[in-house]
Amino acid sequence: MNVGFNLGLTKEKIVGALIQCIPCIGFPRVLNALTLLKEVMAERGMTTEIAAD
């Protein structure tokens, strides 16, 4: 997750990529990844809210 932010990806892009992984790796693993993303964002002082379109 940190690497994605270091490369300039937005949180929306990272969440979108994780959602695309659901059929391949399964919903429980994606939920774990989203939890990790939330922790990384908190460490970086970012808001954990994802803007709805």
PDB file of N, CA and C in Angstrom:
ATOM      1  N   MET A   1       0.806  -1.183   0.000  1.00  0.00           N
ATOM      2  CA  MET A   1       0.000   0.000   0.000  1.00  0.00           C
ATOM      3  C   MET A   1       0.855   1.254   0.000  1.00  0.00           C
ATOM      4  N   ASN A   2       1.888   1.250   0.830  1.00  0.00           N
ATOM      5  CA  ASN A   2       2.758   2.413   0.887  1.00  0.00           C
ATOM      6  C   ASN A   2       3.392   2.692  -0.459  1.00  0.00           C
ATOM      7  N   VAL A   3       3.771   1.653  -1.169  1.00  0.00           N
ATOM      8  CA  VAL A   3       4.403   1.829  -2.472  1.00  0.00           C
ATOM      9  C   VAL A   3       3.459   2.536  -3.430  1.00  0.00           C
ATOM     10  N   GLY A   4       2.202   2.158  -3.432  1.00  0.00           N
ATOM     11  CA  GLY A   4       1.226   2.802  -4.298  1.00  0.00           C
ATOM     12  C   GLY A   4       1.122   4.290  -4.018  1.00  0.00           C
ATOM     13  N   PHE A   5       1.086   4.654  -2.752  1.00  0.00           N
ATOM     14  CA  PHE A   5       1.024   6.067  -2.401  1.00  0.00           C
ATOM     15  C   PHE A   5       2.328   6.773  -2.773  1.00  0.00           C
ATOM     16  N   ASN A   6       3.453   6.096  -2.588  1.00  0.00           N
ATOM     17  CA  ASN A   6       4.733   6.697  -2.953  1.00  0.00           C
ATOM     18  C   ASN A   6       4.826   6.940  -4.455  1.00  0.00           C
ATOM     19  N   LEU A   7       4.156   6.118  -5.238  1.00  0.00           N
ATOM     20  CA  LEU A   7       4.169   6.277  -6.692  1.00  0.00           C
ATOM     21  C   LEU A   7       3.130   7.278  -7.179  1.00  0.00           C
ATOM     22  N   GLY A   8       2.316   7.787  -6.270  1.00  0.00           N
ATOM     23  CA  GLY A   8       1.357   8.820  -6.626  1.00  0.00           C
ATOM     24  C   GLY A   8      -0.054   8.331  -6.895  1.00  0.00           C
ATOM     25  N   LEU A   9      -0.343   7.077  -6.579  1.00  0.00           N
ATOM     26  CA  LEU A   9      -1.709   6.584  -6.763  1.00  0.00           C
ATOM     27  C   LEU A   9      -2.627   7.201  -5.711  1.00  0.00           C
ATOM     28  N   THR A  10      -3.868   7.416  -6.100  1.00  0.00           N
ATOM     29  CA  THR A  10      -4.846   7.916  -5.144  1.00  0.00           C
ATOM     30  C   THR A  10      -5.462   6.731  -4.403  1.00  0.00           C
ATOM     31  N   LYS A  11      -6.099   7.029  -3.286  1.00  0.00           N
ATOM     32  CA  LYS A  11      -6.744   5.954  -2.530  1.00  0.00           C
ATOM     33  C   LYS A  11      -7.873   5.322  -3.336  1.00  0.00           C
ATOM     34  N   GLU A  12      -8.532   6.115  -4.173  1.00  0.00           N
ATOM     35  CA  GLU A  12      -9.602   5.572  -5.010  1.00  0.00           C
ATOM     36  C   GLU A  12      -9.062   4.565  -6.022  1.00  0.00           C
ATOM     37  N   LYS A  13      -7.894   4.856  -6.580  1.00  0.00           N
ATOM     38  CA  LYS A  13      -7.271   3.935  -7.548  1.00  0.00           C
ATOM     39  C   LYS A  13      -6.866   2.635  -6.864  1.00  0.00           C
ATOM     40  N   ILE A  14      -6.322   2.738  -5.663  1.00  0.00           N
ATOM     41  CA  ILE A  14      -5.891   1.540  -4.932  1.00  0.00           C
ATOM     42  C   ILE A  14      -7.102   0.692  -4.554  1.00  0.00           C
ATOM     43  N   VAL A  15      -8.161   1.331  -4.067  1.00  0.00           N
ATOM     44  CA  VAL A  15      -9.384   0.593  -3.719  1.00  0.00           C
ATOM     45  C   VAL A  15      -9.950  -0.075  -4.961  1.00  0.00           C
ATOM     46  N   GLY A  16      -9.969   0.634  -6.075  1.00  0.00           N
ATOM     47  CA  GLY A  16     -10.475   0.066  -7.328  1.00  0.00           C
ATOM     48  C   GLY A  16      -9.694  -1.158  -7.758  1.00  0.00           C
ATOM     49  N   ALA A  17      -8.374  -1.098  -7.619  1.00  0.00           N
ATOM     50  CA  ALA A  17      -7.541  -2.251  -7.974  1.00  0.00           C
ATOM     51  C   ALA A  17      -7.835  -3.433  -7.063  1.00  0.00           C
ATOM     52  N   LEU A  18      -8.042  -3.151  -5.776  1.00  0.00           N
ATOM     53  CA  LEU A  18      -8.348  -4.236  -4.845  1.00  0.00           C
ATOM     54  C   LEU A  18      -9.706  -4.861  -5.147  1.00  0.00           C
ATOM     55  N   ILE A  19     -10.682  -4.046  -5.500  1.00  0.00           N
ATOM     56  CA  ILE A  19     -12.012  -4.568  -5.833  1.00  0.00           C
ATOM     57  C   ILE A  19     -11.931  -5.493  -7.044  1.00  0.00           C
ATOM     58  N   GLN A  20     -11.073  -5.157  -7.996  1.00  0.00           N
ATOM     59  CA  GLN A  20     -10.907  -5.991  -9.185  1.00  0.00           C
ATOM     60  C   GLN A  20     -10.296  -7.358  -8.854  1.00  0.00           C
ATOM     61  N   CYS A  21      -9.664  -7.477  -7.692  1.00  0.00           N
ATOM     62  CA  CYS A  21      -9.025  -8.733  -7.280  1.00  0.00           C
ATOM     63  C   CYS A  21     -10.003  -9.731  -6.660  1.00  0.00           C
ATOM     64  N   ILE A  22     -11.233  -9.305  -6.374  1.00  0.00           N
ATOM     65  CA  ILE A  22     -12.192 -10.189  -5.692  1.00  0.00           C
ATOM     66  C   ILE A  22     -12.372 -11.525  -6.406  1.00  0.00           C
ATOM     67  N   PRO A  23     -12.605 -11.565  -7.731  1.00  0.00           N
ATOM     68  CA  PRO A  23     -12.798 -12.878  -8.375  1.00  0.00           C
ATOM     69  C   PRO A  23     -11.554 -13.764  -8.341  1.00  0.00           C
ATOM     70  N   CYS A  24     -10.390 -13.150  -8.312  1.00  0.00           N
ATOM     71  CA  CYS A  24      -9.141 -13.931  -8.367  1.00  0.00           C
ATOM     72  C   CYS A  24      -8.722 -14.485  -7.009  1.00  0.00           C
ATOM     73  N   ILE A  25      -8.762 -13.631  -5.990  1.00  0.00           N
ATOM     74  CA  ILE A  25      -8.223 -14.054  -4.693  1.00  0.00           C
ATOM     75  C   ILE A  25      -9.284 -14.223  -3.621  1.00  0.00           C
ATOM     76  N   GLY A  26     -10.497 -13.768  -3.897  1.00  0.00           N
ATOM     77  CA  GLY A  26     -11.593 -13.973  -2.953  1.00  0.00           C
ATOM     78  C   GLY A  26     -11.877 -12.762  -2.088  1.00  0.00           C
ATOM     79  N   PHE A  27     -13.117 -12.680  -1.676  1.00  0.00           N
ATOM     80  CA  PHE A  27     -13.597 -11.533  -0.906  1.00  0.00           C
ATOM     81  C   PHE A  27     -12.907 -11.396   0.448  1.00  0.00           C
ATOM     82  N   PRO A  28     -12.696 -12.470   1.209  1.00  0.00           N
ATOM     83  CA  PRO A  28     -12.062 -12.302   2.527  1.00  0.00           C
ATOM     84  C   PRO A  28     -10.662 -11.690   2.444  1.00  0.00           C
ATOM     85  N   ARG A  29      -9.883 -12.090   1.449  1.00  0.00           N
ATOM     86  CA  ARG A  29      -8.537 -11.527   1.316  1.00  0.00           C
ATOM     87  C   ARG A  29      -8.582 -10.062   0.912  1.00  0.00           C
ATOM     88  N   VAL A  30      -9.535  -9.706   0.069  1.00  0.00           N
ATOM     89  CA  VAL A  30      -9.678  -8.303  -0.318  1.00  0.00           C
ATOM     90  C   VAL A  30     -10.109  -7.468   0.887  1.00  0.00           C
ATOM     91  N   LEU A  31     -10.981  -7.998   1.721  1.00  0.00           N
ATOM     92  CA  LEU A  31     -11.361  -7.280   2.942  1.00  0.00           C
ATOM     93  C   LEU A  31     -10.148  -7.061   3.847  1.00  0.00           C
ATOM     94  N   ASN A  32      -9.281  -8.067   3.959  1.00  0.00           N
ATOM     95  CA  ASN A  32      -8.056  -7.914   4.737  1.00  0.00           C
ATOM     96  C   ASN A  32      -7.174  -6.817   4.142  1.00  0.00           C
ATOM     97  N   ALA A  33      -7.072  -6.782   2.818  1.00  0.00           N
ATOM     98  CA  ALA A  33      -6.259  -5.766   2.154  1.00  0.00           C
ATOM     99  C   ALA A  33      -6.849  -4.373   2.376  1.00  0.00           C
ATOM    100  N   LEU A  34      -8.169  -4.253   2.346  1.00  0.00           N
ATOM    101  CA  LEU A  34      -8.807  -2.963   2.591  1.00  0.00           C
ATOM    102  C   LEU A  34      -8.574  -2.499   4.028  1.00  0.00           C
ATOM    103  N   THR A  35      -8.550  -3.427   4.955  1.00  0.00           N
ATOM    104  CA  THR A  35      -8.244  -3.094   6.346  1.00  0.00           C
ATOM    105  C   THR A  35      -6.813  -2.595   6.462  1.00  0.00           C
ATOM    106  N   LEU A  36      -5.890  -3.256   5.776  1.00  0.00           N
ATOM    107  CA  LEU A  36      -4.499  -2.826   5.774  1.00  0.00           C
ATOM    108  C   LEU A  36      -4.370  -1.444   5.140  1.00  0.00           C
ATOM    109  N   LEU A  37      -5.099  -1.197   4.063  1.00  0.00           N
ATOM    110  CA  LEU A  37      -5.088   0.110   3.417  1.00  0.00           C
ATOM    111  C   LEU A  37      -5.539   1.188   4.395  1.00  0.00           C
ATOM    112  N   LYS A  38      -6.571   0.906   5.158  1.00  0.00           N
ATOM    113  CA  LYS A  38      -7.080   1.868   6.138  1.00  0.00           C
ATOM    114  C   LYS A  38      -6.020   2.176   7.194  1.00  0.00           C
ATOM    115  N   GLU A  39      -5.278   1.163   7.623  1.00  0.00           N
ATOM    116  CA  GLU A  39      -4.214   1.360   8.611  1.00  0.00           C
ATOM    117  C   GLU A  39      -3.087   2.213   8.039  1.00  0.00           C
ATOM    118  N   VAL A  40      -2.695   1.941   6.804  1.00  0.00           N
ATOM    119  CA  VAL A  40      -1.630   2.707   6.153  1.00  0.00           C
ATOM    120  C   VAL A  40      -2.050   4.162   5.998  1.00  0.00           C
ATOM    121  N   MET A  41      -3.297   4.365   5.599  1.00  0.00           N
ATOM    122  CA  MET A  41      -3.788   5.732   5.437  1.00  0.00           C
ATOM    123  C   MET A  41      -3.796   6.468   6.772  1.00  0.00           C
ATOM    124  N   ALA A  42      -4.147   5.786   7.853  1.00  0.00           N
ATOM    125  CA  ALA A  42      -4.149   6.403   9.178  1.00  0.00           C
ATOM    126  C   ALA A  42      -2.727   6.779   9.593  1.00  0.00           C
ATOM    127  N   GLU A  43      -1.752   5.921   9.298  1.00  0.00           N
ATOM    128  CA  GLU A  43      -0.356   6.213   9.617  1.00  0.00           C
ATOM    129  C   GLU A  43       0.147   7.430   8.849  1.00  0.00           C
ATOM    130  N   ARG A  44      -0.337   7.606   7.634  1.00  0.00           N
ATOM    131  CA  ARG A  44       0.076   8.731   6.798  1.00  0.00           C
ATOM    132  C   ARG A  44      -0.720   9.997   7.102  1.00  0.00           C
ATOM    133  N   GLY A  45      -1.703   9.917   7.981  1.00  0.00           N
ATOM    134  CA  GLY A  45      -2.510  11.069   8.328  1.00  0.00           C
ATOM    135  C   GLY A  45      -3.537  11.415   7.263  1.00  0.00           C
ATOM    136  N   MET A  46      -3.900  10.446   6.443  1.00  0.00           N
ATOM    137  CA  MET A  46      -4.885  10.665   5.385  1.00  0.00           C
ATOM    138  C   MET A  46      -6.269  10.327   5.921  1.00  0.00           C
ATOM    139  N   THR A  47      -7.286  10.933   5.317  1.00  0.00           N
ATOM    140  CA  THR A  47      -8.645  10.575   5.707  1.00  0.00           C
ATOM    141  C   THR A  47      -8.966   9.194   5.156  1.00  0.00           C
ATOM    142  N   THR A  48      -9.714   8.438   5.896  1.00  0.00           N
ATOM    143  CA  THR A  48     -10.029   7.071   5.477  1.00  0.00           C
ATOM    144  C   THR A  48     -11.339   6.992   4.728  1.00  0.00           C
ATOM    145  N   GLU A  49     -11.977   8.141   4.492  1.00  0.00           N
ATOM    146  CA  GLU A  49     -13.224   8.178   3.751  1.00  0.00           C
ATOM    147  C   GLU A  49     -12.947   8.085   2.251  1.00  0.00           C
ATOM    148  N   ILE A  50     -13.687   7.249   1.567  1.00  0.00           N
ATOM    149  CA  ILE A  50     -13.590   7.129   0.116  1.00  0.00           C
ATOM    150  C   ILE A  50     -14.739   7.925  -0.478  1.00  0.00           C
ATOM    151  N   ALA A  51     -14.435   8.852  -1.351  1.00  0.00           N
ATOM    152  CA  ALA A  51     -15.458   9.707  -1.943  1.00  0.00           C
ATOM    153  C   ALA A  51     -16.361   8.888  -2.866  1.00  0.00           C
ATOM    154  N   ALA A  52     -17.655   9.062  -2.725  1.00  0.00           N
ATOM    155  CA  ALA A  52     -18.621   8.384  -3.586  1.00  0.00           C
ATOM    156  C   ALA A  52     -18.841   9.223  -4.839  1.00  0.00           C
ATOM    157  N   ASP A  53     -18.992   8.568  -5.969  1.00  0.00           N
ATOM    158  CA  ASP A  53     -19.206   9.295  -7.226  1.00  0.00           C
ATOM    159  C   ASP A  53     -20.635   9.710  -7.379  1.00  0.00           C
TER     160      ASP A  53
END
